[in-house]
Amino acid sequence: MVVSKDSNESKATFTPISQEQEGSFKELKAIATETIITACQWFPSLAGIATEGKLGSNQQIAQEFEIAIRHVGKLQNKFKEAFRAIINLTNSGDFDLKIITNKPGNATKLTGIYKGRS
């Protein structure tokens, strides 16, 4: 189904997708999935999406995870700095902040435990 709204004054319209258009929907879904992964700069294997021509081996997933965690780590540092600033402004005293990231496939090993003290 497709719901579209032309402007604020017009009502939303409902357009059913017929059986003849089912292939178009599958293509649209594939394009949307690829576009979302590209826009978010994420890895299909980490999103659980199979990629043709790639086996998605444990080594590939581990390598992509390490790349992703380096990127996410920068964002975590920005979050921690903002959190510390709020704690300092409110004079809330000591705090512990831990961001725990588990490696895929092995939840017992941690890539890092991040601690902050005000």
Protein backbone atom coordinates (compact mmCIF):
# COMPACT_ATOMS: atom_id res chain seq x y z
CA MET A 1 0.00 0.00 0.00
CA VAL A 2 1.09 3.56 -0.60
CA VAL A 3 -0.12 6.52 1.43
CA SER A 4 0.65 9.93 0.03
CA LYS A 5 -0.20 13.45 1.11
CA ASP A 6 -0.05 16.22 -1.48
CA SER A 7 -0.23 19.19 0.90
CA ASN A 8 -1.43 20.17 4.35
CA GLU A 9 -4.91 20.94 3.03
CA SER A 10 -5.44 17.73 1.09
CA LYS A 11 -6.32 14.40 2.65
CA ALA A 12 -4.01 11.42 2.53
CA THR A 13 -4.81 9.03 -0.30
CA PHE A 14 -4.69 5.26 -0.14
CA THR A 15 -3.48 3.34 -3.19
CA PRO A 16 -3.53 -0.46 -2.96
CA ILE A 17 -0.73 -2.36 -4.69
CA SER A 18 -2.09 -4.99 -7.02
CA GLN A 19 -0.54 -8.41 -7.60
CA GLU A 20 0.95 -7.21 -10.89
CA GLN A 21 2.99 -4.64 -9.00
CA GLU A 22 4.41 -7.07 -6.44
CA GLY A 23 7.76 -7.28 -8.23
CA SER A 24 8.03 -3.50 -8.14
CA PHE A 25 7.48 -3.56 -4.38
CA LYS A 26 10.30 -6.09 -3.93
CA GLU A 27 12.62 -3.89 -5.98
CA LEU A 28 11.56 -0.83 -3.97
CA LYS A 29 12.25 -2.68 -0.71
CA ALA A 30 15.73 -3.68 -1.90
CA ILE A 31 16.51 -0.11 -2.99
CA ALA A 32 15.19 1.31 0.29
CA THR A 33 17.23 -1.15 2.35
CA GLU A 34 20.41 -0.37 0.41
CA THR A 35 19.76 3.37 0.63
CA ILE A 36 19.23 3.25 4.40
CA ILE A 37 22.45 1.28 4.93
CA THR A 38 24.36 3.70 2.69
CA ALA A 39 22.86 6.80 4.30
CA CYS A 40 23.67 5.53 7.79
CA GLN A 41 27.15 4.47 6.65
CA TRP A 42 26.58 1.03 8.16
CA PHE A 43 27.60 -2.48 7.12
CA PRO A 44 25.01 -4.90 5.69
CA SER A 45 26.59 -7.82 7.56
CA LEU A 46 26.20 -6.02 10.90
CA ALA A 47 22.58 -5.24 10.06
CA GLY A 48 21.93 -8.94 9.41
CA ILE A 49 21.43 -8.49 5.67
CA ALA A 50 22.95 -11.01 3.29
CA THR A 51 25.09 -9.59 0.50
CA GLU A 52 25.44 -11.46 -2.78
CA GLY A 53 28.96 -12.64 -3.49
CA LYS A 54 30.02 -12.32 0.15
CA LEU A 55 29.82 -15.16 2.59
CA GLY A 56 29.62 -12.97 5.67
CA SER A 57 32.34 -14.91 7.45
CA ASN A 58 33.13 -14.38 11.11
CA GLN A 59 36.36 -12.66 10.10
CA GLN A 60 34.52 -10.21 7.83
CA ILE A 61 31.96 -9.45 10.54
CA ALA A 62 34.72 -8.97 13.13
CA GLN A 63 36.65 -6.59 10.85
CA GLU A 64 33.56 -4.56 10.03
CA PHE A 65 32.64 -4.48 13.71
CA GLU A 66 36.08 -3.09 14.63
CA ILE A 67 35.71 -0.35 11.99
CA ALA A 68 32.22 0.48 13.23
CA ILE A 69 33.22 0.53 16.90
CA ARG A 70 36.02 3.00 16.15
CA HIS A 71 33.44 5.31 14.58
CA VAL A 72 30.89 4.76 17.34
CA GLY A 73 33.61 5.31 19.95
CA LYS A 74 34.05 8.90 18.75
CA LEU A 75 30.31 9.46 19.18
CA GLN A 76 30.43 7.86 22.63
CA ASN A 77 33.20 10.27 23.65
CA LYS A 78 31.05 13.24 22.59
CA PHE A 79 28.16 11.81 24.62
CA LYS A 80 30.38 11.33 27.67
CA GLU A 81 31.68 14.91 27.41
CA ALA A 82 28.12 16.26 27.25
CA PHE A 83 27.11 14.03 30.18
CA ARG A 84 30.06 15.28 32.26
CA ALA A 85 29.18 18.89 31.46
CA ILE A 86 25.61 18.36 32.69
CA ILE A 87 26.83 16.65 35.86
CA ASN A 88 29.25 19.51 36.52
CA LEU A 89 26.57 22.17 35.92
CA THR A 90 24.12 20.49 38.28
CA ASN A 91 26.78 19.71 40.91
CA SER A 92 25.54 16.14 41.07
CA GLY A 93 28.79 14.81 42.49
CA ASP A 94 30.54 11.61 41.50
CA PHE A 95 29.14 9.37 38.81
CA ASP A 96 30.04 6.26 36.92
CA LEU A 97 29.25 6.01 33.23
CA LYS A 98 29.86 2.72 31.48
CA ILE A 99 29.21 2.02 27.83
CA ILE A 100 29.71 -1.69 27.21
CA THR A 101 30.04 -2.98 23.66
CA ASN A 102 29.91 -6.72 23.02
CA LYS A 103 31.61 -8.22 20.02
CA PRO A 104 29.22 -10.09 17.73
CA GLY A 105 29.27 -13.84 18.20
CA ASN A 106 30.94 -13.73 21.58
CA ALA A 107 29.02 -11.87 24.26
CA THR A 108 31.53 -12.75 26.98
CA LYS A 109 34.39 -10.69 25.55
CA LEU A 110 34.12 -6.92 25.73
CA THR A 111 35.82 -4.52 23.35
CA GLY A 112 35.83 -1.80 25.95
CA ILE A 113 34.38 -0.51 29.15
CA TYR A 114 34.33 3.25 29.21
CA LYS A 115 34.29 4.92 32.64
CA GLY A 116 33.96 8.56 33.44
CA ARG A 117 34.45 10.49 36.66
CA SER A 118 33.47 14.11 37.20
